[in-house]
C-alpha atoms as a PDB file:
ATOM      1  CA  MET A   1      79.954 125.624 104.531  1.00  0.00           C
ATOM      2  CA  ALA A   2      77.485 128.017 106.121  1.00  0.00           C
ATOM      3  CA  GLU A   3      78.097 131.733 105.731  1.00  0.00           C
ATOM      4  CA  GLU A   4      79.337 133.897 108.580  1.00  0.00           C
ATOM      5  CA  THR A   5      76.604 135.773 110.480  1.00  0.00           C
ATOM      6  CA  ILE A   6      76.413 138.691 112.856  1.00  0.00           C
ATOM      7  CA  PHE A   7      75.722 136.125 115.606  1.00  0.00           C
ATOM      8  CA  SER A   8      79.087 134.465 114.894  1.00  0.00           C
ATOM      9  CA  LYS A   9      80.784 137.799 115.544  1.00  0.00           C
ATOM     10  CA  ILE A  10      78.798 138.303 118.767  1.00  0.00           C
ATOM     11  CA  ILE A  11      79.779 134.810 119.940  1.00  0.00           C
ATOM     12  CA  ARG A  12      83.459 135.629 119.319  1.00  0.00           C
ATOM     13  CA  LYS A  13      82.969 139.032 121.026  1.00  0.00           C
ATOM     14  CA  GLU A  14      84.095 140.865 117.901  1.00  0.00           C
ATOM     15  CA  ILE A  15      81.099 143.190 118.102  1.00  0.00           C
ATOM     16  CA  PRO A  16      79.446 144.440 121.288  1.00  0.00           C
ATOM     17  CA  SER A  17      76.295 142.922 122.733  1.00  0.00           C
ATOM     18  CA  ASP A  18      74.476 142.775 126.023  1.00  0.00           C
ATOM     19  CA  MET A  19      75.680 139.215 126.611  1.00  0.00           C
ATOM     20  CA  LEU A  20      73.918 137.382 129.423  1.00  0.00           C
ATOM     21  CA  TYR A  21      75.378 133.887 129.145  1.00  0.00           C
ATOM     22  CA  GLN A  22      78.094 132.006 127.298  1.00  0.00           C
ATOM     23  CA  ASP A  23      79.570 128.520 127.602  1.00  0.00           C
ATOM     24  CA  ASP A  24      81.198 126.098 125.191  1.00  0.00           C
ATOM     25  CA  LEU A  25      77.883 125.292 123.451  1.00  0.00           C
ATOM     26  CA  VAL A  26      75.631 128.375 123.462  1.00  0.00           C
ATOM     27  CA  THR A  27      75.607 132.147 123.824  1.00  0.00           C
ATOM     28  CA  ALA A  28      72.710 134.346 124.976  1.00  0.00           C
ATOM     29  CA  PHE A  29      72.307 138.103 124.565  1.00  0.00           C
ATOM     30  CA  ARG A  30      69.557 140.720 124.554  1.00  0.00           C
ATOM     31  CA  ASP A  31      67.861 141.443 121.241  1.00  0.00           C
ATOM     32  CA  ILE A  32      68.729 144.935 119.986  1.00  0.00           C
ATOM     33  CA  ASN A  33      65.117 145.448 118.827  1.00  0.00           C
ATOM     34  CA  PRO A  34      63.050 143.844 121.617  1.00  0.00           C
ATOM     35  CA  ALA A  35      59.481 142.747 120.909  1.00  0.00           C
ATOM     36  CA  MET A  36      58.704 142.291 124.639  1.00  0.00           C
ATOM     37  CA  PRO A  37      60.106 143.690 127.900  1.00  0.00           C
ATOM     38  CA  THR A  38      62.362 140.614 128.038  1.00  0.00           C
ATOM     39  CA  HIS A  39      63.681 139.547 124.619  1.00  0.00           C
ATOM     40  CA  ILE A  40      66.779 137.389 124.654  1.00  0.00           C
ATOM     41  CA  LEU A  41      68.371 135.453 121.797  1.00  0.00           C
ATOM     42  CA  ILE A  42      69.993 132.114 122.598  1.00  0.00           C
ATOM     43  CA  VAL A  43      72.210 130.727 119.857  1.00  0.00           C
ATOM     44  CA  PRO A  44      74.382 127.643 119.421  1.00  0.00           C
ATOM     45  CA  ASN A  45      78.025 128.621 119.137  1.00  0.00           C
ATOM     46  CA  ASP A  46      78.405 126.406 116.059  1.00  0.00           C
ATOM     47  CA  LEU A  47      76.799 127.931 113.008  1.00  0.00           C
ATOM     48  CA  ILE A  48      73.700 125.903 112.135  1.00  0.00           C
ATOM     49  CA  PRO A  49      71.883 127.967 109.475  1.00  0.00           C
ATOM     50  CA  THR A  50      68.293 126.802 110.127  1.00  0.00           C
ATOM     51  CA  ALA A  51      66.282 124.240 112.073  1.00  0.00           C
ATOM     52  CA  ALA A  52      66.167 122.295 108.803  1.00  0.00           C
ATOM     53  CA  ASP A  53      69.959 121.887 109.035  1.00  0.00           C
ATOM     54  CA  VAL A  54      69.975 120.255 112.484  1.00  0.00           C
ATOM     55  CA  GLU A  55      71.872 116.974 112.698  1.00  0.00           C
ATOM     56  CA  PRO A  56      72.151 114.412 115.525  1.00  0.00           C
ATOM     57  CA  GLU A  57      75.506 115.871 116.577  1.00  0.00           C
ATOM     58  CA  HIS A  58      73.738 119.155 117.430  1.00  0.00           C
ATOM     59  CA  GLU A  59      71.470 117.601 120.072  1.00  0.00           C
ATOM     60  CA  LEU A  60      73.602 118.578 123.064  1.00  0.00           C
ATOM     61  CA  ALA A  61      73.748 122.243 122.035  1.00  0.00           C
ATOM     62  CA  LEU A  62      70.042 122.346 121.196  1.00  0.00           C
ATOM     63  CA  GLY A  63      69.139 120.862 124.569  1.00  0.00           C
ATOM     64  CA  ARG A  64      71.347 123.507 126.160  1.00  0.00           C
ATOM     65  CA  LEU A  65      69.240 126.213 124.458  1.00  0.00           C
ATOM     66  CA  PHE A  66      66.299 125.098 126.601  1.00  0.00           C
ATOM     67  CA  THR A  67      68.169 124.791 129.900  1.00  0.00           C
ATOM     68  CA  VAL A  68      69.733 128.216 129.379  1.00  0.00           C
ATOM     69  CA  ALA A  69      66.298 129.645 128.491  1.00  0.00           C
ATOM     70  CA  ARG A  70      64.955 128.342 131.789  1.00  0.00           C
ATOM     71  CA  LYS A  71      67.898 129.821 133.729  1.00  0.00           C
ATOM     72  CA  LEU A  72      67.580 133.219 132.043  1.00  0.00           C
ATOM     73  CA  ALA A  73      63.791 133.297 132.480  1.00  0.00           C
ATOM     74  CA  GLU A  74      64.255 132.684 136.205  1.00  0.00           C
ATOM     75  CA  GLU A  75      66.945 135.377 136.426  1.00  0.00           C
ATOM     76  CA  ALA A  76      64.723 137.851 134.535  1.00  0.00           C
ATOM     77  CA  GLY A  77      61.806 137.169 136.898  1.00  0.00           C
ATOM     78  CA  ILE A  78      59.489 135.942 134.136  1.00  0.00           C
ATOM     79  CA  ALA A  79      59.504 132.207 134.867  1.00  0.00           C
ATOM     80  CA  GLU A  80      56.504 132.164 137.182  1.00  0.00           C
ATOM     81  CA  ASP A  81      54.127 134.093 134.902  1.00  0.00           C
ATOM     82  CA  GLY A  82      55.420 132.360 131.767  1.00  0.00           C
ATOM     83  CA  TYR A  83      57.275 133.138 128.605  1.00  0.00           C
ATOM     84  CA  ARG A  84      57.414 132.149 124.953  1.00  0.00           C
ATOM     85  CA  LEU A  85      60.241 130.368 123.153  1.00  0.00           C
ATOM     86  CA  ILE A  86      60.325 130.778 119.373  1.00  0.00           C
ATOM     87  CA  VAL A  87      62.549 129.300 116.673  1.00  0.00           C
ATOM     88  CA  ASN A  88      61.854 130.550 113.150  1.00  0.00           C
ATOM     89  CA  CYS A  89      62.935 128.541 110.112  1.00  0.00           C
ATOM     90  CA  LYS A  90      63.706 129.942 106.669  1.00  0.00           C
ATOM     91  CA  GLU A  91      61.806 132.578 104.684  1.00  0.00           C
ATOM     92  CA  HIS A  92      58.231 131.454 105.350  1.00  0.00           C
ATOM     93  CA  GLY A  93      59.055 131.038 109.035  1.00  0.00           C
ATOM     94  CA  ARG A  94      60.320 134.654 109.026  1.00  0.00           C
ATOM     95  CA  GLN A  95      63.897 133.800 109.928  1.00  0.00           C
ATOM     96  CA  ASP A  96      66.007 136.938 109.486  1.00  0.00           C
ATOM     97  CA  VAL A  97      69.474 135.752 110.540  1.00  0.00           C
ATOM     98  CA  PHE A  98      70.513 132.386 109.135  1.00  0.00           C
ATOM     99  CA  HIS A  99      72.165 131.160 112.315  1.00  0.00           C
ATOM    100  CA  LEU A 100      69.663 129.059 114.234  1.00  0.00           C
ATOM    101  CA  HIS A 101      68.499 130.927 117.334  1.00  0.00           C
ATOM    102  CA  MET A 102      65.807 130.795 119.977  1.00  0.00           C
ATOM    103  CA  HIS A 103      63.890 133.878 121.092  1.00  0.00           C
ATOM    104  CA  LEU A 104      63.059 134.021 124.802  1.00  0.00           C
ATOM    105  CA  LEU A 105      60.175 136.484 125.165  1.00  0.00           C
ATOM    106  CA  GLY A 106      58.386 137.532 128.334  1.00  0.00           C
ATOM    107  CA  GLY A 107      57.537 140.216 130.819  1.00  0.00           C
ATOM    108  CA  ALA A 108      54.063 140.877 129.391  1.00  0.00           C
ATOM    109  CA  LYS A 109      51.079 138.874 128.204  1.00  0.00           C
ATOM    110  CA  HIS A 110      51.589 137.476 124.703  1.00  0.00           C
ATOM    111  CA  GLY A 111      49.088 137.644 121.904  1.00  0.00           C
ATOM    112  CA  PRO A 112      47.994 134.703 119.777  1.00  0.00           C
ATOM    113  CA  MET A 113      50.602 132.522 118.106  1.00  0.00           C
ATOM    114  CA  LEU A 114      49.616 133.713 114.625  1.00  0.00           C
ATOM    115  CA  ILE A 115      48.564 137.284 114.030  1.00  0.00           C
ATOM    116  CA  LYS A 116      46.750 136.524 110.762  1.00  0.00           C
ATOM    117  CA  LYS A 117      46.182 133.599 108.464  1.00  0.00           C
ATOM    118  CA  PRO A 118      48.594 133.333 105.544  1.00  0.00           C
ATOM    119  CA  ASP A 119      47.544 134.777 102.189  1.00  0.00           C
END
């Protein structure tokens, strides 16, 4: 069984967040430490620790991450100029919270995908 995360508590509304969207499959809220003018986290409501833990039964929720990202990008006014969607996986992928989540980033021009080559 996966361990409880801060995102689980946000999904259940046990701790405050700037929630932008919630349905039976996913929840979206603003990142508390934004890296861009628009920085939204979209998470499946079921706790999936990492992308490496995805199973076929998660496909509906994972597809919903993308349709919600599109909706929120349009609402934020960043859809036309573009945005970046990021999913980090495990330590080397720089995943900080082990509850799979997608970052929706926009509102300014992004830099390169990788800042530097790995050591």
